[in-house]
Amino acid sequence: MNKRLGARRGFTLIELMVVILILAILAALVIPKVVGRTSDAKITKAQSDIATLSQLVQQFRLDTGRYPTTEEGLQALRVPPADSTGWKGPYTTKDIPNDPWGNPYIYEYPGGTGNESYFLGSYGRDGQPGGDADTEDADITEGE
């Protein structure tokens, strides 16, 4: 009787292979969905950051009567430019973030439609203008 209890202490090779197979099937089903969501999350984060920064740029304009220059950049939201009057910042207490791919957000004034516009955006994962609209390489922009 003691002999039978001592003989059955571990898993058989078949049992281990079944468990590994089940884990592999689960991984094959879950990983593609998680990986696809990562790029969606980065794009959404960039859109959210750009919308927030745009609101801060608008507040700067309301207070000073002008947009920050390209040279002043988004740092004008944290540190008063030398020649600004009416600056009531800092407009954010946090550092100006980089985009989710680690690149600085692009800010240019004046924007493409004249002196009353600005360009604010991210060039996406590749950091280059353009890019396929269905990938992380697509540009994400907002401006007036």
C-alpha atoms as a PDB file:
ATOM      1  CA  MET A   1       0.000   0.000   0.000  1.00  0.00           C
ATOM      2  CA  ASN A   2       2.831   2.470   0.713  1.00  0.00           C
ATOM      3  CA  LYS A   3       4.350   1.580  -2.627  1.00  0.00           C
ATOM      4  CA  ARG A   4       1.375   2.959  -4.615  1.00  0.00           C
ATOM      5  CA  LEU A   5       1.298   6.319  -2.778  1.00  0.00           C
ATOM      6  CA  GLY A   6       4.979   6.966  -3.431  1.00  0.00           C
ATOM      7  CA  ALA A   7       4.760   6.135  -7.130  1.00  0.00           C
ATOM      8  CA  ARG A   8       2.268   8.907  -8.065  1.00  0.00           C
ATOM      9  CA  ARG A   9       3.987  12.170  -7.016  1.00  0.00           C
ATOM     10  CA  GLY A  10       4.494  14.161 -10.247  1.00  0.00           C
ATOM     11  CA  PHE A  11       2.925  14.998 -13.564  1.00  0.00           C
ATOM     12  CA  THR A  12       3.325  12.762 -16.563  1.00  0.00           C
ATOM     13  CA  LEU A  13       4.874  14.049 -19.755  1.00  0.00           C
ATOM     14  CA  ILE A  14       1.468  13.902 -21.477  1.00  0.00           C
ATOM     15  CA  GLU A  15      -0.149  16.045 -18.766  1.00  0.00           C
ATOM     16  CA  LEU A  16       2.604  18.645 -19.053  1.00  0.00           C
ATOM     17  CA  MET A  17       2.304  18.723 -22.844  1.00  0.00           C
ATOM     18  CA  VAL A  18      -1.481  19.242 -22.621  1.00  0.00           C
ATOM     19  CA  VAL A  19      -1.018  22.187 -20.234  1.00  0.00           C
ATOM     20  CA  ILE A  20       1.653  23.742 -22.498  1.00  0.00           C
ATOM     21  CA  LEU A  21      -0.607  23.292 -25.531  1.00  0.00           C
ATOM     22  CA  ILE A  22      -3.521  24.991 -23.763  1.00  0.00           C
ATOM     23  CA  LEU A  23      -1.266  27.919 -22.753  1.00  0.00           C
ATOM     24  CA  ALA A  24       0.040  28.236 -26.316  1.00  0.00           C
ATOM     25  CA  ILE A  25      -3.500  28.359 -27.727  1.00  0.00           C
ATOM     26  CA  LEU A  26      -4.510  31.034 -25.215  1.00  0.00           C
ATOM     27  CA  ALA A  27      -1.409  33.086 -26.031  1.00  0.00           C
ATOM     28  CA  ALA A  28      -2.138  32.817 -29.763  1.00  0.00           C
ATOM     29  CA  LEU A  29      -5.630  34.192 -29.174  1.00  0.00           C
ATOM     30  CA  VAL A  30      -4.769  36.964 -26.686  1.00  0.00           C
ATOM     31  CA  ILE A  31      -1.448  38.411 -27.894  1.00  0.00           C
ATOM     32  CA  PRO A  32      -2.654  39.768 -31.275  1.00  0.00           C
ATOM     33  CA  LYS A  33      -5.513  41.596 -29.563  1.00  0.00           C
ATOM     34  CA  VAL A  34      -3.227  43.136 -26.941  1.00  0.00           C
ATOM     35  CA  VAL A  35      -0.603  44.185 -29.506  1.00  0.00           C
ATOM     36  CA  GLY A  36      -3.251  45.846 -31.683  1.00  0.00           C
ATOM     37  CA  ARG A  37      -4.554  47.789 -28.713  1.00  0.00           C
ATOM     38  CA  THR A  38      -1.103  49.161 -27.914  1.00  0.00           C
ATOM     39  CA  SER A  39      -0.943  51.152 -31.154  1.00  0.00           C
ATOM     40  CA  ASP A  40      -4.529  52.368 -30.664  1.00  0.00           C
ATOM     41  CA  ALA A  41      -3.654  53.509 -27.144  1.00  0.00           C
ATOM     42  CA  LYS A  42      -0.614  55.457 -28.368  1.00  0.00           C
ATOM     43  CA  ILE A  43      -2.650  57.215 -31.055  1.00  0.00           C
ATOM     44  CA  THR A  44      -5.381  58.088 -28.536  1.00  0.00           C
ATOM     45  CA  LYS A  45      -2.781  59.400 -26.060  1.00  0.00           C
ATOM     46  CA  ALA A  46      -1.233  61.614 -28.751  1.00  0.00           C
ATOM     47  CA  GLN A  47      -4.674  62.975 -29.716  1.00  0.00           C
ATOM     48  CA  SER A  48      -5.450  63.712 -26.070  1.00  0.00           C
ATOM     49  CA  ASP A  49      -2.098  65.438 -25.467  1.00  0.00           C
ATOM     50  CA  ILE A  50      -2.502  67.550 -28.601  1.00  0.00           C
ATOM     51  CA  ALA A  51      -6.020  68.610 -27.596  1.00  0.00           C
ATOM     52  CA  THR A  52      -4.799  69.586 -24.115  1.00  0.00           C
ATOM     53  CA  LEU A  53      -1.787  71.491 -25.465  1.00  0.00           C
ATOM     54  CA  SER A  54      -4.048  73.261 -27.960  1.00  0.00           C
ATOM     55  CA  GLN A  55      -6.293  74.463 -25.132  1.00  0.00           C
ATOM     56  CA  LEU A  56      -3.227  75.759 -23.283  1.00  0.00           C
ATOM     57  CA  VAL A  57      -2.018  77.580 -26.420  1.00  0.00           C
ATOM     58  CA  GLN A  58      -5.479  79.169 -26.718  1.00  0.00           C
ATOM     59  CA  GLN A  59      -5.319  80.303 -23.089  1.00  0.00           C
ATOM     60  CA  PHE A  60      -1.869  81.811 -23.732  1.00  0.00           C
ATOM     61  CA  ARG A  61      -3.338  83.704 -26.697  1.00  0.00           C
ATOM     62  CA  LEU A  62      -6.270  84.993 -24.664  1.00  0.00           C
ATOM     63  CA  ASP A  63      -3.932  86.353 -22.001  1.00  0.00           C
ATOM     64  CA  THR A  64      -1.148  87.749 -24.206  1.00  0.00           C
ATOM     65  CA  GLY A  65      -3.008  88.608 -27.406  1.00  0.00           C
ATOM     66  CA  ARG A  66      -0.743  86.394 -29.515  1.00  0.00           C
ATOM     67  CA  TYR A  67       0.320  82.796 -30.039  1.00  0.00           C
ATOM     68  CA  PRO A  68       3.760  81.641 -28.896  1.00  0.00           C
ATOM     69  CA  THR A  69       6.327  81.941 -31.679  1.00  0.00           C
ATOM     70  CA  THR A  70       7.938  78.857 -33.190  1.00  0.00           C
ATOM     71  CA  GLU A  71      11.163  79.780 -31.378  1.00  0.00           C
ATOM     72  CA  GLU A  72       9.399  80.098 -28.016  1.00  0.00           C
ATOM     73  CA  GLY A  73       7.580  76.859 -28.696  1.00  0.00           C
ATOM     74  CA  LEU A  74       5.431  75.103 -26.152  1.00  0.00           C
ATOM     75  CA  GLN A  75       7.859  76.060 -23.375  1.00  0.00           C
ATOM     76  CA  ALA A  76       6.166  79.488 -23.461  1.00  0.00           C
ATOM     77  CA  LEU A  77       3.308  77.748 -21.656  1.00  0.00           C
ATOM     78  CA  ARG A  78       5.614  77.139 -18.663  1.00  0.00           C
ATOM     79  CA  VAL A  79       8.128  80.009 -18.779  1.00  0.00           C
ATOM     80  CA  PRO A  80       7.137  83.582 -19.648  1.00  0.00           C
ATOM     81  CA  PRO A  81       8.671  84.768 -22.918  1.00  0.00           C
ATOM     82  CA  ALA A  82      10.862  87.857 -22.565  1.00  0.00           C
ATOM     83  CA  ASP A  83       8.619  90.196 -24.571  1.00  0.00           C
ATOM     84  CA  SER A  84       5.184  88.935 -23.523  1.00  0.00           C
ATOM     85  CA  THR A  85       2.708  91.130 -21.711  1.00  0.00           C
ATOM     86  CA  GLY A  86      -0.288  89.716 -19.914  1.00  0.00           C
ATOM     87  CA  TRP A  87       1.262  86.262 -19.399  1.00  0.00           C
ATOM     88  CA  LYS A  88      -0.628  84.628 -16.512  1.00  0.00           C
ATOM     89  CA  GLY A  89       1.043  81.254 -16.527  1.00  0.00           C
ATOM     90  CA  PRO A  90       2.401  78.829 -16.030  1.00  0.00           C
ATOM     91  CA  TYR A  91      -0.414  77.308 -18.029  1.00  0.00           C
ATOM     92  CA  THR A  92       0.693  73.845 -16.991  1.00  0.00           C
ATOM     93  CA  THR A  93       2.673  72.706 -13.979  1.00  0.00           C
ATOM     94  CA  LYS A  94       3.818  69.545 -15.727  1.00  0.00           C
ATOM     95  CA  ASP A  95       6.661  69.306 -18.214  1.00  0.00           C
ATOM     96  CA  ILE A  96       5.598  69.492 -21.849  1.00  0.00           C
ATOM     97  CA  PRO A  97       5.335  65.801 -22.744  1.00  0.00           C
ATOM     98  CA  ASN A  98       6.872  64.027 -25.691  1.00  0.00           C
ATOM     99  CA  ASP A  99       4.550  62.090 -27.945  1.00  0.00           C
ATOM    100  CA  PRO A 100       4.005  58.394 -27.115  1.00  0.00           C
ATOM    101  CA  TRP A 101       6.859  57.454 -29.468  1.00  0.00           C
ATOM    102  CA  GLY A 102       9.356  59.636 -27.579  1.00  0.00           C
ATOM    103  CA  ASN A 103       9.486  62.555 -30.048  1.00  0.00           C
ATOM    104  CA  PRO A 104       8.737  66.164 -29.086  1.00  0.00           C
ATOM    105  CA  TYR A 105       5.385  67.497 -30.270  1.00  0.00           C
ATOM    106  CA  ILE A 106       5.766  69.853 -33.223  1.00  0.00           C
ATOM    107  CA  TYR A 107       4.596  73.420 -32.740  1.00  0.00           C
ATOM    108  CA  GLU A 108       4.871  76.086 -35.450  1.00  0.00           C
ATOM    109  CA  TYR A 109       3.528  79.608 -35.609  1.00  0.00           C
ATOM    110  CA  PRO A 110       2.260  80.895 -37.940  1.00  0.00           C
ATOM    111  CA  GLY A 111       0.473  77.843 -39.246  1.00  0.00           C
ATOM    112  CA  GLY A 112      -0.406  76.955 -42.797  1.00  0.00           C
ATOM    113  CA  THR A 113      -3.340  79.363 -43.064  1.00  0.00           C
ATOM    114  CA  GLY A 114      -1.660  82.593 -41.948  1.00  0.00           C
ATOM    115  CA  ASN A 115      -0.885  84.674 -38.865  1.00  0.00           C
ATOM    116  CA  GLU A 116      -4.011  83.638 -37.008  1.00  0.00           C
ATOM    117  CA  SER A 117      -3.166  79.939 -37.147  1.00  0.00           C
ATOM    118  CA  TYR A 118      -0.655  77.521 -35.674  1.00  0.00           C
ATOM    119  CA  PHE A 119       0.396  73.930 -36.278  1.00  0.00           C
ATOM    120  CA  LEU A 120       0.507  71.462 -33.410  1.00  0.00           C
ATOM    121  CA  GLY A 121       1.024  67.764 -33.879  1.00  0.00           C
ATOM    122  CA  SER A 122       3.023  64.577 -33.920  1.00  0.00           C
ATOM    123  CA  TYR A 123       4.504  62.827 -36.924  1.00  0.00           C
ATOM    124  CA  GLY A 124       3.766  59.464 -35.336  1.00  0.00           C
ATOM    125  CA  ARG A 125       6.046  56.502 -34.789  1.00  0.00           C
ATOM    126  CA  ASP A 126       8.404  57.258 -37.698  1.00  0.00           C
ATOM    127  CA  GLY A 127       8.832  60.935 -36.751  1.00  0.00           C
ATOM    128  CA  GLN A 128       8.490  61.947 -40.426  1.00  0.00           C
ATOM    129  CA  PRO A 129       5.741  63.976 -42.112  1.00  0.00           C
ATOM    130  CA  GLY A 130       3.151  61.879 -43.889  1.00  0.00           C
ATOM    131  CA  GLY A 131       2.698  58.202 -43.263  1.00  0.00           C
ATOM    132  CA  ASP A 132       0.011  55.627 -43.918  1.00  0.00           C
ATOM    133  CA  ALA A 133      -3.254  56.735 -42.308  1.00  0.00           C
ATOM    134  CA  ASP A 134      -3.952  53.243 -40.966  1.00  0.00           C
ATOM    135  CA  THR A 135      -0.666  52.895 -39.038  1.00  0.00           C
ATOM    136  CA  GLU A 136       1.210  54.485 -36.153  1.00  0.00           C
ATOM    137  CA  ASP A 137       3.266  56.371 -38.766  1.00  0.00           C
ATOM    138  CA  ALA A 138       0.313  58.660 -39.616  1.00  0.00           C
ATOM    139  CA  ASP A 139       0.500  62.323 -38.631  1.00  0.00           C
ATOM    140  CA  ILE A 140      -1.735  63.443 -35.758  1.00  0.00           C
ATOM    141  CA  THR A 141      -2.410  67.166 -35.895  1.00  0.00           C
ATOM    142  CA  GLU A 142      -4.550  69.984 -34.638  1.00  0.00           C
ATOM    143  CA  GLY A 143      -4.345  73.651 -35.365  1.00  0.00           C
ATOM    144  CA  GLU A 144      -6.222  76.710 -36.318  1.00  0.00           C
END
